[in-house]
Amino acid sequence: MTGLDESGDAGRPRGRRSTVLKIAGLSLAGLLVLAAGAAGLAYWHLNSNIKSVDIDQALGDDRPAKGVTTPSSSASASASASPLPTGSLNILVLGSDSRSGKANKALGGGSSSGARSDTAMVVHIDAGRTKATVVSIPRDTLVTRPSCPLKSGGSTSVAYNAMFNSAYSVGGPVCAVKTVESITNVRMDHYIEIDFSGFAKLVNALGGVTVTTDEDIDDDDSHLHLKAGTHHLTGKQALALARTRHGIGDGSDLGRIGLQQKLVKALLEQIASTNLLTDPAKTYEVAQAVTSSLTTDTGLDSISELVSLGRSLSGLSSTSVKTVTMPVVTAPSDANRVVAKEPAASELWESLR
């Protein structure tokens, strides 16, 4: 005999049992390392998806005053966790009609090159972050477009009676933010932009979205044909709804804004009904859909920052979100354009400061 002690379980040699346990332990440790590595890789991948622009650096101090963001004093907050902010926020959300990339070209519905801000919304979140107002700015609004810094150096010239959405075309996110701040005198705390492909992917990742239309939609340009009523839309159909203008009302951008506001509410309701916390695979699918087509300011360019913002908005429901359009009237110089209606527009922006 080799001196093996057989006093272990069921007469199994202790040396052999010890070896088996070591192998099992090492295997478990290896699986944990692999799992952690996969999670880290997923986190890195989602972070690397997000494109960002340093708007604060580009615009400097020549901007409206910044609001004060205060930490939460809630007793329910974990002592070890960072307190969530509860101050008011203003976020410029743009939907870009970029045709760059195969996915965007396939969804573009046209041959246009470059990109414009097809959708522009100022999202104002009240202090306490349980109520919000979403203000749509018609893209056909004539504005004074300020001089904007360019990435290549130099700056654009001031432009009078310029289309609002031209700001993005000539100076990207930086000029879009500066133009919004110049016409509202409201500081934009953050910037979020999502393109055609990203919006469609998000809706699909959420399992579609349910929207009720008040009239038939028959728009060959957006390729959307719907009877009045309630419809559960795919990502491609929801994008077409967001872009529809010729098949409803008077064919103006104002009719399209009404549909976009319906979509905002419907998306909030769909997100609320999708239990992302208990379905990691679904959570990753949604996160991948969002981040793959997302551009933000540098204050929101990581998963941790986006999650922190989302957590701070956990008390916000679709019923506490008010959607309005900046008051406008037909432009005296062009019947196909609009200008801000005063003093109503200024009063609206004043209420958001």
Protein backbone atom coordinates (compact mmCIF):
# COMPACT_ATOMS: atom_id res chain seq x y z
CA MET A 1 0.00 0.00 0.00
CA THR A 2 1.06 3.56 -0.53
CA GLY A 3 -0.15 4.89 2.81
CA LEU A 4 -3.42 6.37 1.53
CA ASP A 5 -5.84 7.17 4.40
CA GLU A 6 -9.24 5.65 3.60
CA SER A 7 -11.14 7.34 6.40
CA GLY A 8 -12.88 9.73 3.93
CA ASP A 9 -16.50 9.47 2.64
CA ALA A 10 -17.60 6.00 1.53
CA GLY A 11 -14.06 4.77 1.82
CA ARG A 12 -12.89 7.25 -0.91
CA PRO A 13 -9.18 8.07 -0.49
CA ARG A 14 -8.77 11.55 1.01
CA GLY A 15 -6.03 12.47 -1.47
CA ARG A 16 -8.30 11.71 -4.43
CA ARG A 17 -11.25 13.59 -2.86
CA SER A 18 -9.02 16.60 -2.20
CA THR A 19 -7.89 16.58 -5.82
CA VAL A 20 -11.50 16.44 -7.08
CA LEU A 21 -12.48 19.35 -4.85
CA LYS A 22 -9.51 21.37 -6.04
CA ILE A 23 -10.45 20.75 -9.68
CA ALA A 24 -14.08 21.71 -8.98
CA GLY A 25 -12.97 24.83 -7.15
CA LEU A 26 -10.62 25.84 -9.93
CA SER A 27 -13.35 25.20 -12.49
CA LEU A 28 -15.81 27.37 -10.57
CA ALA A 29 -13.20 30.09 -10.20
CA GLY A 30 -12.51 29.87 -13.92
CA LEU A 31 -16.21 30.21 -14.73
CA LEU A 32 -16.48 33.22 -12.45
CA VAL A 33 -13.47 34.83 -14.13
CA LEU A 34 -14.96 34.13 -17.55
CA ALA A 35 -18.34 35.52 -16.47
CA ALA A 36 -16.72 38.64 -15.05
CA GLY A 37 -14.65 38.98 -18.20
CA ALA A 38 -17.76 38.65 -20.38
CA ALA A 39 -19.57 41.27 -18.31
CA GLY A 40 -16.56 43.53 -18.52
CA LEU A 41 -16.32 42.98 -22.26
CA ALA A 42 -20.03 43.75 -22.66
CA TYR A 43 -19.63 46.91 -20.57
CA TRP A 44 -16.59 47.98 -22.60
CA HIS A 45 -18.42 47.23 -25.85
CA LEU A 46 -21.49 49.28 -24.88
CA ASN A 47 -19.28 52.15 -23.69
CA SER A 48 -17.29 52.08 -26.93
CA ASN A 49 -20.54 52.30 -28.93
CA ILE A 50 -21.31 55.76 -27.58
CA LYS A 51 -20.00 58.72 -29.55
CA SER A 52 -19.61 62.01 -27.72
CA VAL A 53 -19.01 65.70 -28.29
CA ASP A 54 -17.42 68.03 -25.74
CA ILE A 55 -20.00 70.79 -26.04
CA ASP A 56 -18.95 72.59 -22.85
CA GLN A 57 -15.39 72.91 -24.13
CA ALA A 58 -16.53 74.07 -27.58
CA LEU A 59 -18.97 76.73 -26.34
CA GLY A 60 -17.07 77.99 -23.30
CA ASP A 61 -18.74 80.45 -20.94
CA ASP A 62 -20.82 82.39 -23.47
CA ARG A 63 -24.00 80.52 -22.55
CA PRO A 64 -27.09 80.87 -20.35
CA ALA A 65 -26.53 80.32 -16.64
CA LYS A 66 -26.30 76.71 -15.53
CA GLY A 67 -28.86 75.45 -13.04
CA VAL A 68 -27.82 73.99 -9.70
CA THR A 69 -28.10 70.18 -9.43
CA THR A 70 -28.48 69.01 -5.84
CA PRO A 71 -27.93 65.46 -4.52
CA SER A 72 -30.81 63.45 -3.14
CA SER A 73 -31.40 63.55 0.58
CA SER A 74 -33.68 60.53 0.50
CA ALA A 75 -33.31 58.30 3.52
CA SER A 76 -33.85 55.27 1.28
CA ALA A 77 -30.64 55.89 -0.60
CA SER A 78 -27.94 53.38 0.22
CA ALA A 79 -25.26 54.76 2.47
CA SER A 80 -22.61 53.20 0.25
CA ALA A 81 -24.14 54.35 -3.06
CA SER A 82 -23.61 57.77 -4.54
CA PRO A 83 -26.66 59.96 -3.94
CA LEU A 84 -28.79 60.50 -7.02
CA PRO A 85 -29.18 64.06 -8.31
CA THR A 86 -32.63 65.61 -8.00
CA GLY A 87 -32.12 69.03 -9.57
CA SER A 88 -33.93 70.18 -12.69
CA LEU A 89 -32.41 69.34 -16.08
CA ASN A 90 -32.75 70.54 -19.66
CA ILE A 91 -31.74 68.03 -22.33
CA LEU A 92 -31.69 68.70 -26.07
CA VAL A 93 -32.78 65.51 -27.84
CA LEU A 94 -32.23 65.35 -31.59
CA GLY A 95 -33.31 62.73 -34.10
CA SER A 96 -30.79 62.81 -36.93
CA ASP A 97 -31.81 61.93 -40.47
CA SER A 98 -28.29 60.84 -41.37
CA ARG A 99 -28.04 58.42 -44.31
CA SER A 100 -24.54 57.33 -43.31
CA GLY A 101 -24.09 53.58 -42.97
CA LYS A 102 -26.05 50.78 -44.65
CA ALA A 103 -28.75 50.61 -41.97
CA ASN A 104 -29.52 54.33 -42.14
CA LYS A 105 -29.50 54.35 -45.94
CA ALA A 106 -31.96 51.46 -45.99
CA LEU A 107 -34.29 53.37 -43.66
CA GLY A 108 -33.72 56.82 -45.13
CA GLY A 109 -36.42 56.76 -47.73
CA GLY A 110 -34.49 59.19 -49.88
CA SER A 111 -31.19 59.94 -51.53
CA SER A 112 -30.22 62.94 -49.42
CA SER A 113 -26.63 63.18 -48.32
CA GLY A 114 -25.34 64.65 -45.06
CA ALA A 115 -27.56 64.95 -42.02
CA ARG A 116 -30.09 67.29 -40.50
CA SER A 117 -31.89 67.42 -37.15
CA ASP A 118 -35.16 65.92 -38.37
CA THR A 119 -36.59 66.00 -34.83
CA ALA A 120 -35.71 68.43 -32.04
CA MET A 121 -37.10 68.31 -28.52
CA VAL A 122 -36.08 70.16 -25.38
CA VAL A 123 -36.80 67.84 -22.46
CA HIS A 124 -37.20 69.81 -19.23
CA ILE A 125 -37.16 67.68 -16.08
CA ASP A 126 -38.52 69.43 -13.01
CA ALA A 127 -36.65 69.55 -9.70
CA GLY A 128 -37.42 66.28 -7.93
CA ARG A 129 -37.45 64.53 -11.32
CA THR A 130 -41.02 63.25 -11.12
CA LYS A 131 -42.44 65.55 -13.82
CA ALA A 132 -41.20 66.59 -17.26
CA THR A 133 -42.15 68.81 -20.18
CA VAL A 134 -41.13 67.92 -23.72
CA VAL A 135 -41.07 70.93 -26.05
CA SER A 136 -40.86 70.24 -29.77
CA ILE A 137 -39.19 72.85 -31.98
CA PRO A 138 -40.50 72.73 -35.57
CA ARG A 139 -37.60 72.17 -37.94
CA ASP A 140 -39.13 74.70 -40.38
CA THR A 141 -38.84 77.54 -37.83
CA LEU A 142 -36.90 80.55 -39.12
CA VAL A 143 -34.33 81.71 -36.57
CA THR A 144 -31.20 83.78 -36.26
CA ARG A 145 -28.50 81.13 -36.32
CA PRO A 146 -25.54 82.30 -34.22
CA SER A 147 -21.88 82.01 -35.12
CA CYS A 148 -20.75 78.51 -34.17
CA PRO A 149 -17.24 77.09 -33.64
CA LEU A 150 -16.15 74.41 -36.09
CA LYS A 151 -14.10 71.29 -35.33
CA SER A 152 -11.73 72.22 -38.14
CA GLY A 153 -11.12 75.65 -36.63
CA GLY A 154 -12.76 79.00 -37.25
CA SER A 155 -16.50 79.49 -37.01
CA THR A 156 -19.66 79.82 -39.06
CA SER A 157 -21.18 83.20 -39.86
CA VAL A 158 -24.33 84.49 -38.22
CA ALA A 159 -27.32 83.68 -40.45
CA TYR A 160 -30.66 85.50 -40.36
CA ASN A 161 -33.98 83.85 -41.26
CA ALA A 162 -32.25 80.48 -41.37
CA MET A 163 -34.09 77.19 -41.02
CA PHE A 164 -33.71 75.90 -37.48
CA ASN A 165 -32.48 72.48 -38.58
CA SER A 166 -29.71 74.04 -40.68
CA ALA A 167 -27.72 74.60 -37.46
CA TYR A 168 -26.96 70.89 -37.23
CA SER A 169 -26.11 70.73 -40.93
CA VAL A 170 -23.49 73.48 -40.75
CA GLY A 171 -22.05 72.94 -37.28
CA GLY A 172 -23.20 69.59 -35.88
CA PRO A 173 -24.29 69.10 -32.25
CA VAL A 174 -22.34 72.12 -31.00
CA CYS A 175 -24.18 74.51 -33.32
CA ALA A 176 -27.51 72.81 -32.63
CA VAL A 177 -27.05 73.39 -28.89
CA LYS A 178 -25.86 76.96 -29.35
CA THR A 179 -28.81 77.78 -31.62
CA VAL A 180 -31.33 76.32 -29.16
CA GLU A 181 -29.75 78.23 -26.29
CA SER A 182 -29.75 81.46 -28.32
CA ILE A 183 -33.47 81.28 -29.12
CA THR A 184 -34.58 80.01 -25.70
CA ASN A 185 -32.04 81.53 -23.28
CA VAL A 186 -32.20 78.16 -21.52
CA ARG A 187 -29.00 76.28 -20.73
CA MET A 188 -28.90 72.76 -22.18
CA ASP A 189 -27.38 70.55 -19.48
CA HIS A 190 -27.06 67.57 -21.80
CA TYR A 191 -27.28 66.57 -25.45
CA ILE A 192 -28.59 63.27 -26.83
CA GLU A 193 -28.82 62.32 -30.50
CA ILE A 194 -30.08 59.10 -32.06
CA ASP A 195 -30.23 58.29 -35.77
CA PHE A 196 -32.71 56.41 -37.98
CA SER A 197 -31.19 52.99 -37.38
CA GLY A 198 -30.89 53.41 -33.63
CA PHE A 199 -34.51 54.46 -33.20
CA ALA A 200 -35.80 51.50 -35.21
CA LYS A 201 -33.53 49.08 -33.31
CA LEU A 202 -34.69 50.46 -29.96
CA VAL A 203 -38.35 49.96 -30.82
CA ASN A 204 -37.66 46.41 -32.03
CA ALA A 205 -35.62 45.61 -28.90
CA LEU A 206 -38.58 46.72 -26.78
CA GLY A 207 -40.89 44.40 -28.73
CA GLY A 208 -42.57 47.15 -30.75
CA VAL A 209 -44.69 50.07 -29.65
CA THR A 210 -48.46 50.62 -29.54
CA VAL A 211 -49.80 53.90 -30.94
CA THR A 212 -53.30 55.14 -31.66
CA THR A 213 -53.72 57.37 -34.73
CA ASP A 214 -56.68 59.74 -35.05
CA GLU A 215 -56.84 59.66 -38.84
CA ASP A 216 -55.81 57.49 -41.77
CA ILE A 217 -52.16 57.88 -42.80
CA ASP A 218 -51.29 57.49 -46.45
CA ASP A 219 -47.77 58.77 -47.04
CA ASP A 220 -45.76 57.43 -49.97
CA ASP A 221 -42.70 59.42 -48.90
CA SER A 222 -42.39 57.69 -45.52
CA HIS A 223 -43.87 54.45 -46.93
CA LEU A 224 -46.47 54.36 -44.17
CA HIS A 225 -50.11 53.44 -44.78
CA LEU A 226 -52.30 53.01 -41.70
CA LYS A 227 -56.01 53.21 -40.99
CA ALA A 228 -57.11 55.34 -38.06
CA GLY A 229 -57.02 53.32 -34.86
CA THR A 230 -54.62 51.46 -32.57
CA HIS A 231 -51.60 49.73 -34.07
CA HIS A 232 -48.63 47.81 -32.68
CA LEU A 233 -45.71 49.05 -34.76
CA THR A 234 -42.33 47.54 -35.57
CA GLY A 235 -39.22 49.70 -35.46
CA LYS A 236 -39.39 50.43 -39.18
CA GLN A 237 -43.08 51.40 -38.95
CA ALA A 238 -42.50 53.57 -35.85
CA LEU A 239 -39.69 55.39 -37.68
CA ALA A 240 -41.99 55.94 -40.65
CA LEU A 241 -44.62 57.35 -38.28
CA ALA A 242 -42.06 59.75 -36.79
CA ARG A 243 -41.16 60.95 -40.30
CA THR A 244 -44.69 61.19 -41.71
CA ARG A 245 -45.91 64.64 -42.68
CA HIS A 246 -47.46 64.51 -46.16
CA GLY A 247 -50.11 61.93 -45.33
CA ILE A 248 -51.76 63.84 -42.49
CA GLY A 249 -53.33 67.23 -41.80
CA ASP A 250 -52.03 70.04 -43.99
CA GLY A 251 -48.77 68.22 -44.73
CA SER A 252 -46.72 70.56 -42.54
CA ASP A 253 -44.10 69.76 -39.94
CA LEU A 254 -46.62 70.58 -37.18
CA GLY A 255 -48.68 67.49 -38.01
CA ARG A 256 -45.58 65.33 -37.85
CA ILE A 257 -44.69 66.75 -34.44
CA GLY A 258 -48.05 65.58 -33.10
CA LEU A 259 -47.24 62.02 -34.18
CA GLN A 260 -43.75 62.24 -32.69
CA GLN A 261 -45.20 63.30 -29.36
CA LYS A 262 -47.55 60.31 -29.42
CA LEU A 263 -44.51 58.11 -30.00
CA VAL A 264 -42.65 59.62 -27.03
CA LYS A 265 -45.53 58.74 -24.71
CA ALA A 266 -45.89 55.28 -26.25
CA LEU A 267 -42.18 54.55 -25.87
CA LEU A 268 -42.24 55.56 -22.21
CA GLU A 269 -45.19 53.24 -21.62
CA GLN A 270 -43.48 50.38 -23.46
CA ILE A 271 -40.26 50.82 -21.47
CA ALA A 272 -42.26 50.85 -18.23
CA SER A 273 -44.04 47.62 -19.19
CA THR A 274 -40.81 45.84 -20.17
CA ASN A 275 -39.20 44.36 -17.06
CA LEU A 276 -35.58 44.97 -17.95
CA LEU A 277 -34.35 44.38 -14.40
CA THR A 278 -35.20 40.65 -14.48
CA ASP A 279 -34.15 39.94 -18.07
CA PRO A 280 -30.41 40.57 -18.59
CA ALA A 281 -30.55 39.43 -22.22
CA LYS A 282 -33.34 41.91 -23.00
CA THR A 283 -31.53 44.64 -21.08
CA TYR A 284 -28.39 44.07 -23.15
CA GLU A 285 -30.39 44.04 -26.39
CA VAL A 286 -31.99 47.38 -25.52
CA ALA A 287 -28.66 48.84 -24.39
CA GLN A 288 -26.96 47.68 -27.59
CA ALA A 289 -29.75 49.18 -29.71
CA VAL A 290 -29.50 52.53 -27.96
CA THR A 291 -25.74 52.90 -27.67
CA SER A 292 -24.91 51.73 -31.20
CA SER A 293 -26.51 54.85 -32.68
CA LEU A 294 -26.09 57.32 -29.83
CA THR A 295 -24.17 60.60 -29.65
CA THR A 296 -24.11 62.50 -26.36
CA ASP A 297 -22.27 65.30 -24.64
CA THR A 298 -19.27 64.19 -22.59
CA GLY A 299 -21.36 64.25 -19.42
CA LEU A 300 -23.40 61.25 -20.62
CA ASP A 301 -20.89 59.29 -22.67
CA SER A 302 -20.66 56.18 -20.51
CA ILE A 303 -23.01 53.43 -19.41
CA SER A 304 -22.54 54.40 -15.76
CA GLU A 305 -23.56 58.01 -16.44
CA LEU A 306 -26.58 56.97 -18.51
CA VAL A 307 -27.63 54.47 -15.82
CA SER A 308 -27.26 57.15 -13.14
CA LEU A 309 -29.50 59.49 -15.15
CA GLY A 310 -32.02 56.70 -15.67
CA ARG A 311 -32.08 55.83 -11.96
CA SER A 312 -32.66 59.48 -11.07
CA LEU A 313 -35.73 59.41 -13.34
CA SER A 314 -37.23 56.25 -11.83
CA GLY A 315 -40.15 58.26 -10.41
CA LEU A 316 -41.07 59.69 -13.81
CA SER A 317 -44.04 58.06 -15.56
CA SER A 318 -45.60 58.67 -18.97
CA THR A 319 -48.61 60.30 -17.29
CA SER A 320 -46.36 62.92 -15.70
CA VAL A 321 -44.75 63.89 -19.01
CA LYS A 322 -46.35 66.86 -20.76
CA THR A 323 -45.75 67.34 -24.51
CA VAL A 324 -46.09 70.75 -26.14
CA THR A 325 -44.88 72.52 -29.27
CA MET A 326 -43.12 75.86 -29.25
CA PRO A 327 -45.82 78.42 -30.18
CA VAL A 328 -45.35 79.52 -33.80
CA VAL A 329 -47.10 81.48 -36.54
CA THR A 330 -46.67 81.50 -40.29
CA ALA A 331 -43.56 83.43 -41.30
CA PRO A 332 -44.40 86.74 -43.06
CA SER A 333 -41.62 86.09 -45.59
CA ASP A 334 -42.56 82.50 -46.49
CA ALA A 335 -45.92 80.75 -46.18
CA ASN A 336 -44.10 77.38 -45.90
CA ARG A 337 -42.10 78.45 -42.84
CA VAL A 338 -42.94 79.49 -39.28
CA VAL A 339 -41.51 81.87 -36.69
CA ALA A 340 -41.83 81.92 -32.90
CA LYS A 341 -45.11 83.38 -31.72
CA GLU A 342 -44.47 86.08 -29.15
CA PRO A 343 -44.85 86.57 -26.28
CA ALA A 344 -46.12 83.00 -25.90
CA ALA A 345 -42.82 81.37 -26.95
CA SER A 346 -40.73 83.48 -24.58
CA GLU A 347 -43.14 82.79 -21.74
CA LEU A 348 -42.85 79.05 -22.36
CA TRP A 349 -39.05 79.12 -22.27
CA GLU A 350 -39.10 81.32 -19.18
CA SER A 351 -41.15 78.67 -17.37
CA LEU A 352 -38.36 76.13 -17.99
CA ARG A 353 -35.50 78.17 -16.53
